[in-house]
Amino acid sequence: MNIRGAIFDLDGVIVDTAKYHYLAWRRLAEELGFDFTEADNERLKGVSRMRSLNILLEAGGFGPDAFSEARKEEMAARKNGWYVEYISRMTPREILPGVLSFLEQVRADGVRTALGSASKNTGIILDRLKIGALFDAVVDGTMVQRTKPDPEVFLTCALMLGGGILPAECVVFEDAEAGIEAARAGGMHCVGIGSPEILRGADRVVPGFAGISWKEIKKSD
């Protein structure tokens, strides 16, 4: 298999920002008078901010018309403000184990790398982690109209990688079901990061990058 492009999700793949999202969403839920559990938070992985808000409100027993759109926008903005406050204190030590070595192996093999994330705060996180130079292209939630499981973010990554790289020549690294579906819909190979029970649609699932080589992944594809 000729892999020319490797596309990485950010949250849960490069760094664990899920904990900061959870803290911010739980803070909002507490303001609204209900508990938002970590199990509830699993439903928010890989989906947009406003869709996440609707899921949270549903978990709190609020109907679709309980709040105006303007009120929802205000709540989402407040949650994001708390989240930005949390991630603004991140350091490179929070990069997940094995990630830097894996990225270096990919790039040393002549494969171009892209970051494809639904997060609109990708720039802040990359700046805090100091790893922006490891990606030839970065596509975030400010650059696409449709969120995962739509493949737009990954197809845009492939286009921005240049060199005529086709979707079928790309492999996506994802930790969320919606991201796996997006990679599949885009005609790409996919490696799940996490649990095989959850990421059944991936070509292969690994627990993380620690102890996994690019050569091994490419051979298995």
N, C-alpha and C. Protein backbone atom coordinates (compact mmCIF):
# COMPACT_ATOMS: atom_id res chain seq x y z
N MET A 1 0.85 -1.19 0.00
CA MET A 1 0.00 0.00 0.00
C MET A 1 0.88 1.24 0.00
N ASN A 2 0.62 2.16 -0.91
CA ASN A 2 1.43 3.37 -1.04
C ASN A 2 0.82 4.50 -0.22
N ILE A 3 1.31 4.70 1.00
CA ILE A 3 0.82 5.76 1.86
C ILE A 3 1.71 6.99 1.70
N ARG A 4 1.13 8.09 1.25
CA ARG A 4 1.89 9.32 1.04
C ARG A 4 1.51 10.42 2.03
N GLY A 5 0.38 10.24 2.71
CA GLY A 5 -0.07 11.24 3.66
C GLY A 5 -0.58 10.61 4.94
N ALA A 6 -0.20 11.17 6.07
CA ALA A 6 -0.68 10.70 7.38
C ALA A 6 -1.40 11.86 8.05
N ILE A 7 -2.65 11.63 8.42
CA ILE A 7 -3.50 12.67 9.00
C ILE A 7 -3.84 12.30 10.44
N PHE A 8 -3.61 13.23 11.33
CA PHE A 8 -3.80 12.97 12.75
C PHE A 8 -4.90 13.86 13.32
N ASP A 9 -5.82 13.24 14.05
CA ASP A 9 -6.73 14.02 14.88
C ASP A 9 -5.90 14.61 16.02
N LEU A 10 -6.41 15.59 16.70
CA LEU A 10 -5.67 16.24 17.78
C LEU A 10 -6.06 15.70 19.15
N ASP A 11 -7.32 15.95 19.53
CA ASP A 11 -7.78 15.57 20.87
C ASP A 11 -7.85 14.06 21.01
N GLY A 12 -7.12 13.52 21.99
CA GLY A 12 -7.15 12.09 22.24
C GLY A 12 -6.16 11.30 21.41
N VAL A 13 -5.50 11.96 20.46
CA VAL A 13 -4.51 11.29 19.61
C VAL A 13 -3.12 11.88 19.86
N ILE A 14 -3.01 13.20 19.75
CA ILE A 14 -1.75 13.89 19.99
C ILE A 14 -1.63 14.30 21.46
N VAL A 15 -2.74 14.74 22.00
CA VAL A 15 -2.76 15.22 23.38
C VAL A 15 -4.14 14.95 23.96
N ASP A 16 -4.22 14.81 25.28
CA ASP A 16 -5.50 14.55 25.92
C ASP A 16 -6.13 15.84 26.40
N THR A 17 -6.89 16.47 25.51
CA THR A 17 -7.61 17.68 25.92
C THR A 17 -9.03 17.35 26.36
N ALA A 18 -9.41 16.08 26.24
CA ALA A 18 -10.77 15.69 26.62
C ALA A 18 -11.06 16.05 28.08
N LYS A 19 -10.04 15.95 28.92
CA LYS A 19 -10.25 16.25 30.35
C LYS A 19 -10.60 17.72 30.55
N TYR A 20 -10.03 18.59 29.71
CA TYR A 20 -10.32 20.01 29.84
C TYR A 20 -11.70 20.35 29.27
N HIS A 21 -12.06 19.67 28.17
CA HIS A 21 -13.43 19.82 27.66
C HIS A 21 -14.42 19.40 28.73
N TYR A 22 -14.14 18.26 29.36
CA TYR A 22 -15.06 17.72 30.37
C TYR A 22 -15.21 18.69 31.54
N LEU A 23 -14.09 19.23 32.01
CA LEU A 23 -14.16 20.16 33.14
C LEU A 23 -15.02 21.38 32.79
N ALA A 24 -14.87 21.87 31.55
CA ALA A 24 -15.64 23.05 31.13
C ALA A 24 -17.12 22.72 30.95
N TRP A 25 -17.42 21.58 30.30
CA TRP A 25 -18.83 21.19 30.13
C TRP A 25 -19.47 20.90 31.49
N ARG A 26 -18.75 20.25 32.40
CA ARG A 26 -19.31 19.95 33.72
C ARG A 26 -19.60 21.24 34.49
N ARG A 27 -18.73 22.22 34.32
CA ARG A 27 -18.93 23.52 34.97
C ARG A 27 -20.22 24.17 34.47
N LEU A 28 -20.47 24.07 33.16
CA LEU A 28 -21.70 24.61 32.61
C LEU A 28 -22.91 23.85 33.13
N ALA A 29 -22.80 22.52 33.16
CA ALA A 29 -23.92 21.72 33.67
C ALA A 29 -24.25 22.07 35.11
N GLU A 30 -23.22 22.29 35.92
CA GLU A 30 -23.45 22.65 37.32
C GLU A 30 -24.18 23.98 37.44
N GLU A 31 -23.85 24.90 36.54
CA GLU A 31 -24.57 26.18 36.53
C GLU A 31 -26.05 25.98 36.21
N LEU A 32 -26.32 24.96 35.36
CA LEU A 32 -27.70 24.68 34.96
C LEU A 32 -28.41 23.75 35.94
N GLY A 33 -27.68 23.28 36.95
CA GLY A 33 -28.31 22.53 38.02
C GLY A 33 -28.35 21.02 37.87
N PHE A 34 -27.43 20.44 37.09
CA PHE A 34 -27.40 18.98 36.99
C PHE A 34 -25.97 18.48 36.86
N ASP A 35 -25.80 17.19 37.11
CA ASP A 35 -24.48 16.57 37.01
C ASP A 35 -24.24 16.07 35.59
N PHE A 36 -23.05 16.28 35.11
CA PHE A 36 -22.65 15.78 33.79
C PHE A 36 -21.49 14.83 34.01
N THR A 37 -21.73 13.56 33.77
CA THR A 37 -20.76 12.53 34.11
C THR A 37 -19.73 12.31 32.99
N GLU A 38 -18.67 11.60 33.33
CA GLU A 38 -17.66 11.25 32.33
C GLU A 38 -18.25 10.34 31.26
N ALA A 39 -19.21 9.50 31.66
CA ALA A 39 -19.89 8.64 30.68
C ALA A 39 -20.69 9.49 29.70
N ASP A 40 -21.36 10.53 30.20
CA ASP A 40 -22.08 11.46 29.31
C ASP A 40 -21.10 12.13 28.35
N ASN A 41 -19.92 12.47 28.87
CA ASN A 41 -18.93 13.18 28.08
C ASN A 41 -18.42 12.37 26.89
N GLU A 42 -18.47 11.04 26.99
CA GLU A 42 -18.01 10.19 25.90
C GLU A 42 -18.80 10.47 24.62
N ARG A 43 -20.06 10.89 24.77
CA ARG A 43 -20.90 11.16 23.60
C ARG A 43 -20.48 12.41 22.85
N LEU A 44 -19.61 13.22 23.45
CA LEU A 44 -19.22 14.47 22.83
C LEU A 44 -17.97 14.35 21.97
N LYS A 45 -17.30 13.21 22.01
CA LYS A 45 -16.04 13.04 21.29
C LYS A 45 -16.22 13.19 19.78
N GLY A 46 -15.43 14.08 19.20
CA GLY A 46 -15.40 14.21 17.76
C GLY A 46 -16.54 14.99 17.14
N VAL A 47 -17.41 15.61 17.97
CA VAL A 47 -18.54 16.36 17.41
C VAL A 47 -18.35 17.85 17.67
N SER A 48 -19.11 18.67 16.97
CA SER A 48 -18.94 20.12 17.05
C SER A 48 -19.37 20.67 18.40
N ARG A 49 -18.97 21.92 18.65
CA ARG A 49 -19.29 22.57 19.92
C ARG A 49 -20.79 22.69 20.14
N MET A 50 -21.54 23.14 19.13
CA MET A 50 -22.98 23.33 19.31
C MET A 50 -23.71 21.99 19.43
N ARG A 51 -23.26 20.99 18.67
CA ARG A 51 -23.85 19.66 18.81
C ARG A 51 -23.56 19.11 20.21
N SER A 52 -22.35 19.37 20.71
CA SER A 52 -22.00 18.93 22.07
C SER A 52 -22.91 19.59 23.10
N LEU A 53 -23.18 20.87 22.91
CA LEU A 53 -24.06 21.58 23.83
C LEU A 53 -25.45 20.96 23.83
N ASN A 54 -25.97 20.64 22.65
CA ASN A 54 -27.30 20.03 22.57
C ASN A 54 -27.34 18.67 23.27
N ILE A 55 -26.26 17.90 23.15
CA ILE A 55 -26.18 16.61 23.83
C ILE A 55 -26.16 16.81 25.34
N LEU A 56 -25.40 17.80 25.79
CA LEU A 56 -25.34 18.10 27.22
C LEU A 56 -26.71 18.51 27.76
N LEU A 57 -27.39 19.38 27.03
CA LEU A 57 -28.72 19.82 27.47
C LEU A 57 -29.71 18.67 27.51
N GLU A 58 -29.58 17.79 26.54
CA GLU A 58 -30.43 16.59 26.52
C GLU A 58 -30.16 15.72 27.74
N ALA A 59 -28.88 15.58 28.11
CA ALA A 59 -28.51 14.79 29.29
C ALA A 59 -29.07 15.42 30.56
N GLY A 60 -29.23 16.74 30.54
CA GLY A 60 -29.78 17.44 31.69
C GLY A 60 -31.30 17.48 31.72
N GLY A 61 -31.93 16.85 30.74
CA GLY A 61 -33.38 16.80 30.70
C GLY A 61 -34.05 17.99 30.05
N PHE A 62 -33.27 18.81 29.34
CA PHE A 62 -33.83 19.98 28.66
C PHE A 62 -34.24 19.61 27.24
N GLY A 63 -35.43 20.02 26.85
CA GLY A 63 -35.92 19.76 25.52
C GLY A 63 -35.25 20.65 24.49
N PRO A 64 -35.47 20.37 23.20
CA PRO A 64 -34.81 21.13 22.13
C PRO A 64 -35.19 22.61 22.11
N ASP A 65 -36.33 22.96 22.68
CA ASP A 65 -36.77 24.36 22.66
C ASP A 65 -36.66 25.04 24.02
N ALA A 66 -35.90 24.44 24.93
CA ALA A 66 -35.77 25.00 26.28
C ALA A 66 -35.03 26.33 26.29
N PHE A 67 -34.14 26.52 25.32
CA PHE A 67 -33.35 27.75 25.25
C PHE A 67 -33.35 28.29 23.83
N SER A 68 -33.29 29.60 23.72
CA SER A 68 -33.19 30.23 22.40
C SER A 68 -31.82 29.96 21.80
N GLU A 69 -31.70 30.15 20.50
CA GLU A 69 -30.41 29.96 19.85
C GLU A 69 -29.38 30.95 20.38
N ALA A 70 -29.83 32.16 20.66
CA ALA A 70 -28.92 33.17 21.20
C ALA A 70 -28.39 32.75 22.57
N ARG A 71 -29.27 32.20 23.39
CA ARG A 71 -28.86 31.72 24.71
C ARG A 71 -27.89 30.55 24.59
N LYS A 72 -28.15 29.65 23.63
CA LYS A 72 -27.24 28.52 23.41
C LYS A 72 -25.86 29.01 22.97
N GLU A 73 -25.85 29.99 22.09
CA GLU A 73 -24.57 30.54 21.62
C GLU A 73 -23.79 31.13 22.80
N GLU A 74 -24.51 31.79 23.69
CA GLU A 74 -23.87 32.39 24.85
C GLU A 74 -23.30 31.31 25.78
N MET A 75 -24.04 30.23 25.98
CA MET A 75 -23.57 29.14 26.83
C MET A 75 -22.34 28.48 26.21
N ALA A 76 -22.39 28.24 24.91
CA ALA A 76 -21.26 27.60 24.23
C ALA A 76 -20.01 28.48 24.31
N ALA A 77 -20.20 29.79 24.17
CA ALA A 77 -19.08 30.72 24.23
C ALA A 77 -18.48 30.74 25.64
N ARG A 78 -19.34 30.69 26.65
CA ARG A 78 -18.85 30.68 28.03
C ARG A 78 -18.06 29.41 28.32
N LYS A 79 -18.59 28.28 27.86
CA LYS A 79 -17.87 27.01 28.03
C LYS A 79 -16.52 27.09 27.34
N ASN A 80 -16.49 27.64 26.13
CA ASN A 80 -15.22 27.72 25.39
C ASN A 80 -14.23 28.63 26.11
N GLY A 81 -14.71 29.67 26.72
CA GLY A 81 -13.83 30.56 27.47
C GLY A 81 -13.14 29.83 28.61
N TRP A 82 -13.90 28.99 29.31
CA TRP A 82 -13.30 28.20 30.39
C TRP A 82 -12.28 27.21 29.83
N TYR A 83 -12.64 26.57 28.71
CA TYR A 83 -11.75 25.60 28.08
C TYR A 83 -10.44 26.26 27.65
N VAL A 84 -10.53 27.42 27.02
CA VAL A 84 -9.33 28.14 26.59
C VAL A 84 -8.47 28.50 27.81
N GLU A 85 -9.12 28.87 28.89
CA GLU A 85 -8.39 29.17 30.12
C GLU A 85 -7.58 27.96 30.58
N TYR A 86 -8.18 26.76 30.50
CA TYR A 86 -7.50 25.54 30.92
C TYR A 86 -6.33 25.20 29.97
N ILE A 87 -6.60 25.21 28.66
CA ILE A 87 -5.56 24.77 27.72
C ILE A 87 -4.43 25.77 27.58
N SER A 88 -4.68 27.01 27.96
CA SER A 88 -3.64 28.03 27.87
C SER A 88 -2.52 27.78 28.88
N ARG A 89 -2.74 26.84 29.78
CA ARG A 89 -1.71 26.48 30.76
C ARG A 89 -1.03 25.16 30.40
N MET A 90 -1.34 24.61 29.22
CA MET A 90 -0.74 23.33 28.82
C MET A 90 0.75 23.51 28.53
N THR A 91 1.49 22.39 28.59
CA THR A 91 2.92 22.39 28.27
C THR A 91 3.22 21.19 27.37
N PRO A 92 4.39 21.17 26.72
CA PRO A 92 4.76 20.02 25.88
C PRO A 92 4.78 18.69 26.62
N ARG A 93 4.85 18.73 27.94
CA ARG A 93 4.85 17.50 28.72
C ARG A 93 3.52 16.75 28.60
N GLU A 94 2.49 17.42 28.10
CA GLU A 94 1.19 16.79 27.97
C GLU A 94 0.99 16.06 26.65
N ILE A 95 1.98 16.13 25.76
CA ILE A 95 1.91 15.34 24.52
C ILE A 95 1.89 13.87 24.91
N LEU A 96 1.03 13.09 24.30
CA LEU A 96 0.85 11.70 24.70
C LEU A 96 2.09 10.87 24.38
N PRO A 97 2.34 9.81 25.17
CA PRO A 97 3.55 9.00 25.01
C PRO A 97 3.71 8.44 23.59
N GLY A 98 4.92 8.54 23.07
CA GLY A 98 5.24 7.96 21.77
C GLY A 98 4.90 8.82 20.57
N VAL A 99 4.15 9.89 20.76
CA VAL A 99 3.68 10.71 19.63
C VAL A 99 4.84 11.35 18.88
N LEU A 100 5.75 12.01 19.58
CA LEU A 100 6.83 12.73 18.91
C LEU A 100 7.71 11.77 18.10
N SER A 101 8.06 10.65 18.68
CA SER A 101 8.88 9.66 17.97
C SER A 101 8.16 9.15 16.73
N PHE A 102 6.86 8.89 16.86
CA PHE A 102 6.09 8.36 15.74
C PHE A 102 6.03 9.38 14.60
N LEU A 103 5.76 10.64 14.93
CA LEU A 103 5.71 11.69 13.92
C LEU A 103 7.05 11.83 13.20
N GLU A 104 8.12 11.74 13.95
CA GLU A 104 9.45 11.85 13.35
C GLU A 104 9.72 10.69 12.39
N GLN A 105 9.25 9.48 12.76
CA GLN A 105 9.42 8.31 11.88
C GLN A 105 8.63 8.49 10.58
N VAL A 106 7.41 8.99 10.71
CA VAL A 106 6.57 9.20 9.52
C VAL A 106 7.24 10.18 8.57
N ARG A 107 7.70 11.30 9.10
CA ARG A 107 8.30 12.34 8.27
C ARG A 107 9.64 11.88 7.68
N ALA A 108 10.39 11.09 8.44
CA ALA A 108 11.67 10.57 7.94
C ALA A 108 11.46 9.62 6.77
N ASP A 109 10.26 9.03 6.68
CA ASP A 109 9.92 8.11 5.60
C ASP A 109 9.44 8.85 4.35
N GLY A 110 9.45 10.18 4.41
CA GLY A 110 9.02 10.98 3.27
C GLY A 110 7.52 11.14 3.15
N VAL A 111 6.78 10.75 4.19
CA VAL A 111 5.33 10.87 4.20
C VAL A 111 4.95 12.24 4.77
N ARG A 112 4.05 12.94 4.09
CA ARG A 112 3.63 14.25 4.55
C ARG A 112 2.58 14.10 5.65
N THR A 113 2.61 15.02 6.60
CA THR A 113 1.75 14.92 7.77
C THR A 113 0.77 16.09 7.85
N ALA A 114 -0.44 15.79 8.31
CA ALA A 114 -1.45 16.83 8.49
C ALA A 114 -2.17 16.62 9.82
N LEU A 115 -2.69 17.70 10.35
CA LEU A 115 -3.51 17.65 11.54
C LEU A 115 -4.93 18.02 11.13
N GLY A 116 -5.89 17.16 11.42
CA GLY A 116 -7.28 17.44 11.07
C GLY A 116 -8.16 17.34 12.29
N SER A 117 -8.61 18.47 12.79
CA SER A 117 -9.35 18.49 14.06
C SER A 117 -10.61 19.34 13.96
N ALA A 118 -11.63 18.92 14.70
CA ALA A 118 -12.86 19.70 14.78
C ALA A 118 -12.70 20.92 15.69
N SER A 119 -11.63 20.93 16.48
CA SER A 119 -11.42 21.99 17.46
C SER A 119 -11.12 23.33 16.79
N LYS A 120 -11.75 24.38 17.29
CA LYS A 120 -11.47 25.73 16.82
C LYS A 120 -10.32 26.36 17.62
N ASN A 121 -9.82 25.61 18.58
CA ASN A 121 -8.72 26.09 19.40
C ASN A 121 -7.41 25.39 19.09
N THR A 122 -7.35 24.75 17.91
CA THR A 122 -6.17 23.99 17.53
C THR A 122 -4.90 24.83 17.56
N GLY A 123 -4.98 26.07 17.08
CA GLY A 123 -3.81 26.94 17.04
C GLY A 123 -3.24 27.19 18.42
N ILE A 124 -4.09 27.40 19.40
CA ILE A 124 -3.64 27.63 20.78
C ILE A 124 -2.90 26.41 21.30
N ILE A 125 -3.48 25.23 21.05
CA ILE A 125 -2.90 23.99 21.56
C ILE A 125 -1.55 23.72 20.90
N LEU A 126 -1.47 23.87 19.59
CA LEU A 126 -0.20 23.64 18.90
C LEU A 126 0.87 24.61 19.39
N ASP A 127 0.47 25.84 19.65
CA ASP A 127 1.42 26.82 20.16
C ASP A 127 1.93 26.43 21.53
N ARG A 128 1.04 25.94 22.39
CA ARG A 128 1.45 25.54 23.73
C ARG A 128 2.33 24.29 23.71
N LEU A 129 2.03 23.38 22.78
CA LEU A 129 2.80 22.13 22.69
C LEU A 129 4.09 22.27 21.90
N LYS A 130 4.17 23.34 21.11
CA LYS A 130 5.36 23.64 20.30
C LYS A 130 5.65 22.53 19.28
N ILE A 131 4.61 22.06 18.59
CA ILE A 131 4.80 20.98 17.61
C ILE A 131 4.24 21.35 16.23
N GLY A 132 3.93 22.60 16.02
CA GLY A 132 3.36 23.01 14.73
C GLY A 132 4.25 22.66 13.55
N ALA A 133 5.56 22.70 13.75
CA ALA A 133 6.50 22.44 12.65
C ALA A 133 6.48 20.99 12.20
N LEU A 134 5.86 20.10 12.97
CA LEU A 134 5.81 18.69 12.62
C LEU A 134 4.68 18.36 11.64
N PHE A 135 3.90 19.38 11.26
CA PHE A 135 2.77 19.14 10.35
C PHE A 135 2.91 20.03 9.11
N ASP A 136 2.74 19.39 7.95
CA ASP A 136 2.79 20.11 6.69
C ASP A 136 1.50 20.88 6.42
N ALA A 137 0.42 20.45 7.05
CA ALA A 137 -0.87 21.12 6.88
C ALA A 137 -1.66 20.99 8.18
N VAL A 138 -2.43 22.02 8.49
CA VAL A 138 -3.30 22.00 9.67
C VAL A 138 -4.68 22.48 9.24
N VAL A 139 -5.69 21.65 9.51
CA VAL A 139 -7.08 22.01 9.22
C VAL A 139 -7.86 21.89 10.52
N ASP A 140 -8.53 22.97 10.92
CA ASP A 140 -9.30 22.93 12.16
C ASP A 140 -10.75 23.34 11.92
N GLY A 141 -11.48 23.46 13.01
CA GLY A 141 -12.91 23.72 12.92
C GLY A 141 -13.28 25.07 12.33
N THR A 142 -12.31 25.98 12.21
CA THR A 142 -12.60 27.28 11.60
C THR A 142 -12.52 27.24 10.08
N MET A 143 -12.06 26.11 9.53
CA MET A 143 -11.78 26.03 8.10
C MET A 143 -12.74 25.13 7.32
N VAL A 144 -13.66 24.49 8.03
CA VAL A 144 -14.60 23.58 7.36
C VAL A 144 -16.02 23.90 7.79
N GLN A 145 -16.96 23.51 6.96
CA GLN A 145 -18.37 23.77 7.24
C GLN A 145 -19.06 22.59 7.92
N ARG A 146 -18.60 21.39 7.56
CA ARG A 146 -19.26 20.17 8.06
C ARG A 146 -18.34 19.42 9.01
N THR A 147 -18.90 18.93 10.10
CA THR A 147 -18.10 18.24 11.11
C THR A 147 -18.16 16.73 10.91
N LYS A 148 -17.22 16.02 11.51
CA LYS A 148 -17.22 14.57 11.48
C LYS A 148 -18.56 14.06 12.02
N PRO A 149 -19.13 13.02 11.44
CA PRO A 149 -18.55 12.02 10.53
C PRO A 149 -18.48 12.41 9.05
N ASP A 150 -18.82 13.65 8.71
CA ASP A 150 -18.58 14.09 7.34
C ASP A 150 -17.06 14.13 7.11
N PRO A 151 -16.58 13.71 5.95
CA PRO A 151 -15.13 13.63 5.71
C PRO A 151 -14.46 14.94 5.33
N GLU A 152 -15.19 16.07 5.35
CA GLU A 152 -14.64 17.32 4.82
C GLU A 152 -13.29 17.67 5.43
N VAL A 153 -13.12 17.55 6.75
CA VAL A 153 -11.87 17.94 7.37
C VAL A 153 -10.70 17.12 6.85
N PHE A 154 -10.89 15.82 6.66
CA PHE A 154 -9.80 14.97 6.19
C PHE A 154 -9.54 15.15 4.70
N LEU A 155 -10.58 15.35 3.93
CA LEU A 155 -10.40 15.61 2.50
C LEU A 155 -9.67 16.94 2.28
N THR A 156 -9.97 17.91 3.13
CA THR A 156 -9.28 19.20 3.05
C THR A 156 -7.81 19.03 3.41
N CYS A 157 -7.53 18.18 4.40
CA CYS A 157 -6.14 17.89 4.76
C CYS A 157 -5.38 17.31 3.57
N ALA A 158 -5.99 16.31 2.91
CA ALA A 158 -5.33 15.67 1.77
C ALA A 158 -5.04 16.69 0.68
N LEU A 159 -5.99 17.60 0.45
CA LEU A 159 -5.81 18.62 -0.58
C LEU A 159 -4.67 19.57 -0.20
N MET A 160 -4.62 19.97 1.07
CA MET A 160 -3.61 20.92 1.53
C MET A 160 -2.21 20.31 1.62
N LEU A 161 -2.13 18.99 1.68
CA LEU A 161 -0.83 18.35 1.70
C LEU A 161 -0.09 18.54 0.37
N GLY A 162 -0.87 18.76 -0.68
CA GLY A 162 -0.26 19.02 -1.99
C GLY A 162 0.34 17.78 -2.61
N GLY A 163 1.06 17.98 -3.69
CA GLY A 163 1.73 16.87 -4.35
C GLY A 163 0.80 15.88 -5.02
N GLY A 164 -0.46 16.29 -5.20
CA GLY A 164 -1.41 15.37 -5.83
C GLY A 164 -1.75 14.15 -5.00
N ILE A 165 -1.58 14.25 -3.69
CA ILE A 165 -1.89 13.12 -2.81
C ILE A 165 -3.39 12.84 -2.82
N LEU A 166 -3.75 11.61 -3.08
CA LEU A 166 -5.14 11.19 -3.14
C LEU A 166 -5.62 10.72 -1.77
N PRO A 167 -6.94 10.80 -1.50
CA PRO A 167 -7.47 10.28 -0.24
C PRO A 167 -7.08 8.82 0.00
N ALA A 168 -7.08 8.00 -1.04
CA ALA A 168 -6.74 6.59 -0.90
C ALA A 168 -5.29 6.37 -0.53
N GLU A 169 -4.46 7.44 -0.64
CA GLU A 169 -3.05 7.35 -0.28
C GLU A 169 -2.79 7.91 1.12
N CYS A 170 -3.88 8.16 1.87
CA CYS A 170 -3.76 8.73 3.21
C CYS A 170 -4.22 7.74 4.27
N VAL A 171 -3.59 7.81 5.43
CA VAL A 171 -4.04 7.06 6.59
C VAL A 171 -4.37 8.07 7.69
N VAL A 172 -5.50 7.85 8.34
CA VAL A 172 -5.99 8.74 9.39
C VAL A 172 -5.81 8.06 10.74
N PHE A 173 -5.37 8.82 11.73
CA PHE A 173 -5.25 8.33 13.10
C PHE A 173 -6.31 9.03 13.94
N GLU A 174 -7.24 8.26 14.48
CA GLU A 174 -8.42 8.81 15.15
C GLU A 174 -8.76 8.04 16.42
N ASP A 175 -9.37 8.75 17.39
CA ASP A 175 -9.77 8.08 18.64
C ASP A 175 -11.28 8.05 18.83
N ALA A 176 -12.03 8.61 17.88
CA ALA A 176 -13.49 8.70 18.04
C ALA A 176 -14.22 8.00 16.89
N GLU A 177 -15.38 7.45 17.23
CA GLU A 177 -16.19 6.77 16.21
C GLU A 177 -16.51 7.68 15.04
N ALA A 178 -16.86 8.94 15.36
CA ALA A 178 -17.20 9.89 14.29
C ALA A 178 -16.03 10.11 13.36
N GLY A 179 -14.82 10.13 13.91
CA GLY A 179 -13.63 10.31 13.10
C GLY A 179 -13.33 9.10 12.23
N ILE A 180 -13.55 7.91 12.77
CA ILE A 180 -13.37 6.69 11.99
C ILE A 180 -14.35 6.69 10.81
N GLU A 181 -15.59 7.06 11.07
CA GLU A 181 -16.60 7.12 10.02
C GLU A 181 -16.21 8.15 8.96
N ALA A 182 -15.66 9.28 9.40
CA ALA A 182 -15.24 10.33 8.47
C ALA A 182 -14.12 9.84 7.56
N ALA A 183 -13.15 9.14 8.14
CA ALA A 183 -12.04 8.61 7.35
C ALA A 183 -12.56 7.62 6.31
N ARG A 184 -13.45 6.75 6.73
CA ARG A 184 -14.03 5.77 5.83
C ARG A 184 -14.81 6.45 4.71
N ALA A 185 -15.61 7.44 5.08
CA ALA A 185 -16.41 8.16 4.08
C ALA A 185 -15.52 8.88 3.08
N GLY A 186 -14.32 9.26 3.51
CA GLY A 186 -13.39 9.94 2.62
C GLY A 186 -12.53 9.00 1.80
N GLY A 187 -12.73 7.70 1.96
CA GLY A 187 -11.97 6.72 1.19
C GLY A 187 -10.54 6.54 1.67
N MET A 188 -10.31 6.78 2.95
CA MET A 188 -8.96 6.70 3.51
C MET A 188 -8.78 5.47 4.39
N HIS A 189 -7.53 5.09 4.60
CA HIS A 189 -7.22 4.06 5.57
C HIS A 189 -7.36 4.68 6.96
N CYS A 190 -7.56 3.85 7.97
CA CYS A 190 -7.78 4.41 9.29
C CYS A 190 -7.21 3.53 10.39
N VAL A 191 -6.48 4.15 11.31
CA VAL A 191 -5.96 3.48 12.49
C VAL A 191 -6.65 4.10 13.71
N GLY A 192 -7.33 3.29 14.48
CA GLY A 192 -8.00 3.77 15.68
C GLY A 192 -7.03 3.81 16.85
N ILE A 193 -7.13 4.85 17.65
CA ILE A 193 -6.32 4.99 18.86
C ILE A 193 -7.27 4.83 20.04
N GLY A 194 -7.20 3.67 20.69
CA GLY A 194 -8.10 3.44 21.81
C GLY A 194 -8.57 2.01 21.91
N SER A 195 -9.88 1.84 22.06
CA SER A 195 -10.46 0.52 22.32
C SER A 195 -11.02 -0.13 21.05
N PRO A 196 -10.64 -1.39 20.78
CA PRO A 196 -11.17 -2.11 19.61
C PRO A 196 -12.69 -2.28 19.68
N GLU A 197 -13.23 -2.36 20.89
CA GLU A 197 -14.68 -2.53 21.05
C GLU A 197 -15.45 -1.31 20.58
N ILE A 198 -14.84 -0.14 20.71
CA ILE A 198 -15.50 1.11 20.32
C ILE A 198 -15.18 1.47 18.87
N LEU A 199 -13.93 1.24 18.44
CA LEU A 199 -13.47 1.70 17.13
C LEU A 199 -13.45 0.55 16.12
N ARG A 200 -14.55 -0.15 16.02
CA ARG A 200 -14.62 -1.36 15.20
C ARG A 200 -14.47 -1.08 13.71
N GLY A 201 -14.73 0.14 13.27
CA GLY A 201 -14.66 0.44 11.84
C GLY A 201 -13.27 0.70 11.32
N ALA A 202 -12.27 0.76 12.22
CA ALA A 202 -10.90 1.06 11.80
C ALA A 202 -10.23 -0.17 11.18
N ASP A 203 -9.24 0.07 10.32
CA ASP A 203 -8.47 -1.03 9.75
C ASP A 203 -7.67 -1.74 10.84
N ARG A 204 -7.20 -0.96 11.78
CA ARG A 204 -6.43 -1.50 12.90
C ARG A 204 -6.64 -0.57 14.08
N VAL A 205 -6.59 -1.14 15.29
CA VAL A 205 -6.72 -0.32 16.50
C VAL A 205 -5.52 -0.59 17.40
N VAL A 206 -4.90 0.47 17.89
CA VAL A 206 -3.79 0.37 18.83
C VAL A 206 -4.13 1.23 20.05
N PRO A 207 -3.60 0.88 21.23
CA PRO A 207 -3.93 1.66 22.42
C PRO A 207 -3.30 3.04 22.44
N GLY A 208 -2.22 3.23 21.69
CA GLY A 208 -1.52 4.50 21.64
C GLY A 208 -0.27 4.36 20.80
N PHE A 209 0.56 5.40 20.77
CA PHE A 209 1.75 5.36 19.94
C PHE A 209 2.97 4.80 20.65
N ALA A 210 2.91 4.67 21.95
CA ALA A 210 4.05 4.14 22.70
C ALA A 210 4.31 2.70 22.28
N GLY A 211 5.52 2.43 21.84
CA GLY A 211 5.88 1.07 21.44
C GLY A 211 5.42 0.66 20.06
N ILE A 212 4.80 1.57 19.32
CA ILE A 212 4.32 1.29 17.96
C ILE A 212 5.17 2.06 16.96
N SER A 213 5.69 1.37 15.95
CA SER A 213 6.51 2.05 14.95
C SER A 213 5.70 2.34 13.69
N TRP A 214 6.13 3.37 12.95
CA TRP A 214 5.50 3.70 11.68
C TRP A 214 5.66 2.55 10.70
N LYS A 215 6.80 1.91 10.69
CA LYS A 215 7.06 0.79 9.80
C LYS A 215 6.04 -0.32 10.04
N GLU A 216 5.73 -0.58 11.29
CA GLU A 216 4.76 -1.62 11.64
C GLU A 216 3.36 -1.25 11.17
N ILE A 217 3.00 0.00 11.35
CA ILE A 217 1.67 0.47 10.94
C ILE A 217 1.54 0.40 9.42
N LYS A 218 2.54 0.87 8.72
CA LYS A 218 2.49 0.89 7.27
C LYS A 218 2.41 -0.53 6.70
N LYS A 219 3.14 -1.44 7.32
CA LYS A 219 3.12 -2.84 6.86
C LYS A 219 1.75 -3.45 7.08
N SER A 220 1.11 -3.14 8.21
CA SER A 220 -0.20 -3.73 8.51
C SER A 220 -1.28 -3.18 7.60
N ASP A 221 -1.09 -1.92 7.14
CA ASP A 221 -2.05 -1.33 6.20
C ASP A 221 -1.96 -2.02 4.86
